[in-house]
Amino acid sequence: MDESDVENRDILAAVGAVVIAIGVMTAFDLARGAAIAWVLNVGVAAVIGLFVFSARAAA
């Protein structure tokens, strides 16, 4: 596996994490209402930041 394959895998992992986080946020919003949406938005931002940072640090 060359360097570009590793980078592409890291990017796909970060994108996948973002999609999963958004799906979870949407499910909670639908189940509980918008009252906890701000907590989930902060959580999603943290997850996105963590995975993007991890992907860049691994490169």
N, C-alpha and C. Protein backbone atom coordinates (compact mmCIF):
# COMPACT_ATOMS: atom_id res chain seq x y z
N MET A 1 0.85 -1.18 0.00
CA MET A 1 0.00 0.00 0.00
C MET A 1 0.90 1.24 0.00
N ASP A 2 0.71 2.09 -1.00
CA ASP A 2 1.56 3.28 -1.05
C ASP A 2 0.94 4.42 -0.24
N GLU A 3 1.67 5.53 -0.24
CA GLU A 3 1.29 6.65 0.63
C GLU A 3 -0.06 7.25 0.26
N SER A 4 -0.37 7.33 -1.04
CA SER A 4 -1.65 7.92 -1.44
C SER A 4 -2.82 7.03 -1.03
N ASP A 5 -2.63 5.72 -1.05
CA ASP A 5 -3.69 4.81 -0.59
C ASP A 5 -3.97 5.00 0.90
N VAL A 6 -2.91 5.18 1.67
CA VAL A 6 -3.07 5.39 3.11
C VAL A 6 -3.80 6.70 3.36
N GLU A 7 -3.42 7.75 2.63
CA GLU A 7 -4.08 9.04 2.80
C GLU A 7 -5.55 8.96 2.41
N ASN A 8 -5.84 8.28 1.30
CA ASN A 8 -7.24 8.13 0.87
C ASN A 8 -8.04 7.36 1.90
N ARG A 9 -7.45 6.33 2.49
CA ARG A 9 -8.14 5.55 3.52
C ARG A 9 -8.44 6.41 4.73
N ASP A 10 -7.49 7.25 5.13
CA ASP A 10 -7.71 8.14 6.27
C ASP A 10 -8.82 9.14 6.00
N ILE A 11 -8.85 9.67 4.79
CA ILE A 11 -9.89 10.63 4.43
C ILE A 11 -11.25 9.95 4.42
N LEU A 12 -11.32 8.74 3.86
CA LEU A 12 -12.58 8.00 3.84
C LEU A 12 -13.05 7.67 5.26
N ALA A 13 -12.12 7.35 6.13
CA ALA A 13 -12.48 7.08 7.53
C ALA A 13 -13.05 8.33 8.19
N ALA A 14 -12.45 9.48 7.93
CA ALA A 14 -12.95 10.73 8.50
C ALA A 14 -14.33 11.06 7.96
N VAL A 15 -14.53 10.89 6.67
CA VAL A 15 -15.83 11.16 6.06
C VAL A 15 -16.89 10.20 6.60
N GLY A 16 -16.51 8.94 6.74
CA GLY A 16 -17.44 7.96 7.30
C GLY A 16 -17.85 8.31 8.71
N ALA A 17 -16.90 8.77 9.51
CA ALA A 17 -17.21 9.17 10.88
C ALA A 17 -18.16 10.36 10.90
N VAL A 18 -17.95 11.30 10.00
CA VAL A 18 -18.83 12.47 9.92
C VAL A 18 -20.26 12.03 9.56
N VAL A 19 -20.37 11.13 8.59
CA VAL A 19 -21.69 10.66 8.16
C VAL A 19 -22.40 9.93 9.30
N ILE A 20 -21.66 9.08 10.00
CA ILE A 20 -22.25 8.35 11.14
C ILE A 20 -22.68 9.33 12.23
N ALA A 21 -21.83 10.30 12.53
CA ALA A 21 -22.16 11.28 13.57
C ALA A 21 -23.40 12.08 13.20
N ILE A 22 -23.51 12.49 11.96
CA ILE A 22 -24.69 13.24 11.52
C ILE A 22 -25.94 12.36 11.58
N GLY A 23 -25.80 11.09 11.21
CA GLY A 23 -26.93 10.17 11.31
C GLY A 23 -27.40 9.99 12.75
N VAL A 24 -26.44 9.85 13.66
CA VAL A 24 -26.79 9.72 15.08
C VAL A 24 -27.46 10.99 15.58
N MET A 25 -26.92 12.15 15.20
CA MET A 25 -27.51 13.42 15.62
C MET A 25 -28.94 13.54 15.12
N THR A 26 -29.17 13.18 13.88
CA THR A 26 -30.51 13.26 13.31
C THR A 26 -31.47 12.32 14.03
N ALA A 27 -31.00 11.11 14.33
CA ALA A 27 -31.85 10.15 15.03
C ALA A 27 -32.24 10.66 16.41
N PHE A 28 -31.30 11.23 17.14
CA PHE A 28 -31.62 11.78 18.46
C PHE A 28 -32.56 12.97 18.34
N ASP A 29 -32.35 13.82 17.35
CA ASP A 29 -33.25 14.96 17.16
C ASP A 29 -34.68 14.49 16.90
N LEU A 30 -34.81 13.46 16.08
CA LEU A 30 -36.15 12.96 15.77
C LEU A 30 -36.78 12.28 16.98
N ALA A 31 -35.98 11.58 17.76
CA ALA A 31 -36.50 10.83 18.90
C ALA A 31 -36.84 11.72 20.09
N ARG A 32 -36.03 12.73 20.34
CA ARG A 32 -36.18 13.52 21.56
C ARG A 32 -36.64 14.96 21.32
N GLY A 33 -36.62 15.39 20.11
CA GLY A 33 -36.98 16.77 19.82
C GLY A 33 -35.73 17.65 19.77
N ALA A 34 -35.93 18.91 19.47
CA ALA A 34 -34.82 19.82 19.25
C ALA A 34 -34.20 20.36 20.54
N ALA A 35 -34.73 19.98 21.70
CA ALA A 35 -34.24 20.54 22.96
C ALA A 35 -32.79 20.18 23.23
N ILE A 36 -32.33 19.03 22.75
CA ILE A 36 -30.94 18.63 22.99
C ILE A 36 -30.08 18.78 21.75
N ALA A 37 -30.59 19.47 20.75
CA ALA A 37 -29.86 19.59 19.49
C ALA A 37 -28.51 20.27 19.68
N TRP A 38 -28.42 21.26 20.57
CA TRP A 38 -27.15 21.97 20.75
C TRP A 38 -26.09 21.04 21.33
N VAL A 39 -26.48 20.13 22.23
CA VAL A 39 -25.52 19.18 22.78
C VAL A 39 -25.00 18.27 21.68
N LEU A 40 -25.90 17.80 20.84
CA LEU A 40 -25.49 16.91 19.76
C LEU A 40 -24.64 17.64 18.73
N ASN A 41 -24.94 18.90 18.47
CA ASN A 41 -24.13 19.67 17.52
C ASN A 41 -22.70 19.82 18.03
N VAL A 42 -22.54 20.07 19.32
CA VAL A 42 -21.20 20.16 19.91
C VAL A 42 -20.50 18.81 19.82
N GLY A 43 -21.24 17.74 20.09
CA GLY A 43 -20.67 16.40 19.99
C GLY A 43 -20.23 16.06 18.57
N VAL A 44 -21.06 16.40 17.60
CA VAL A 44 -20.71 16.15 16.20
C VAL A 44 -19.47 16.95 15.81
N ALA A 45 -19.41 18.19 16.21
CA ALA A 45 -18.24 19.00 15.90
C ALA A 45 -16.98 18.40 16.52
N ALA A 46 -17.09 17.88 17.74
CA ALA A 46 -15.94 17.26 18.40
C ALA A 46 -15.52 15.99 17.67
N VAL A 47 -16.47 15.19 17.25
CA VAL A 47 -16.15 13.95 16.52
C VAL A 47 -15.49 14.28 15.19
N ILE A 48 -16.04 15.24 14.48
CA ILE A 48 -15.47 15.63 13.19
C ILE A 48 -14.04 16.13 13.39
N GLY A 49 -13.85 17.00 14.36
CA GLY A 49 -12.51 17.52 14.63
C GLY A 49 -11.53 16.44 15.00
N LEU A 50 -11.97 15.49 15.83
CA LEU A 50 -11.09 14.40 16.25
C LEU A 50 -10.65 13.55 15.08
N PHE A 51 -11.59 13.17 14.23
CA PHE A 51 -11.23 12.29 13.12
C PHE A 51 -10.41 13.01 12.06
N VAL A 52 -10.73 14.27 11.80
CA VAL A 52 -9.92 15.01 10.83
C VAL A 52 -8.51 15.20 11.36
N PHE A 53 -8.38 15.53 12.64
CA PHE A 53 -7.06 15.68 13.25
C PHE A 53 -6.30 14.36 13.21
N SER A 54 -6.97 13.26 13.52
CA SER A 54 -6.32 11.95 13.51
C SER A 54 -5.84 11.59 12.11
N ALA A 55 -6.66 11.88 11.11
CA ALA A 55 -6.28 11.57 9.73
C ALA A 55 -5.07 12.40 9.30
N ARG A 56 -5.05 13.66 9.70
CA ARG A 56 -3.93 14.52 9.32
C ARG A 56 -2.67 14.15 10.10
N ALA A 57 -2.81 13.78 11.36
CA ALA A 57 -1.65 13.43 12.17
C ALA A 57 -1.03 12.13 11.69
N ALA A 58 -1.85 11.23 11.16
CA ALA A 58 -1.33 9.95 10.69
C ALA A 58 -0.60 10.09 9.35
N ALA A 59 -0.87 11.17 8.64
CA ALA A 59 -0.26 11.35 7.31
C ALA A 59 1.21 11.69 7.40
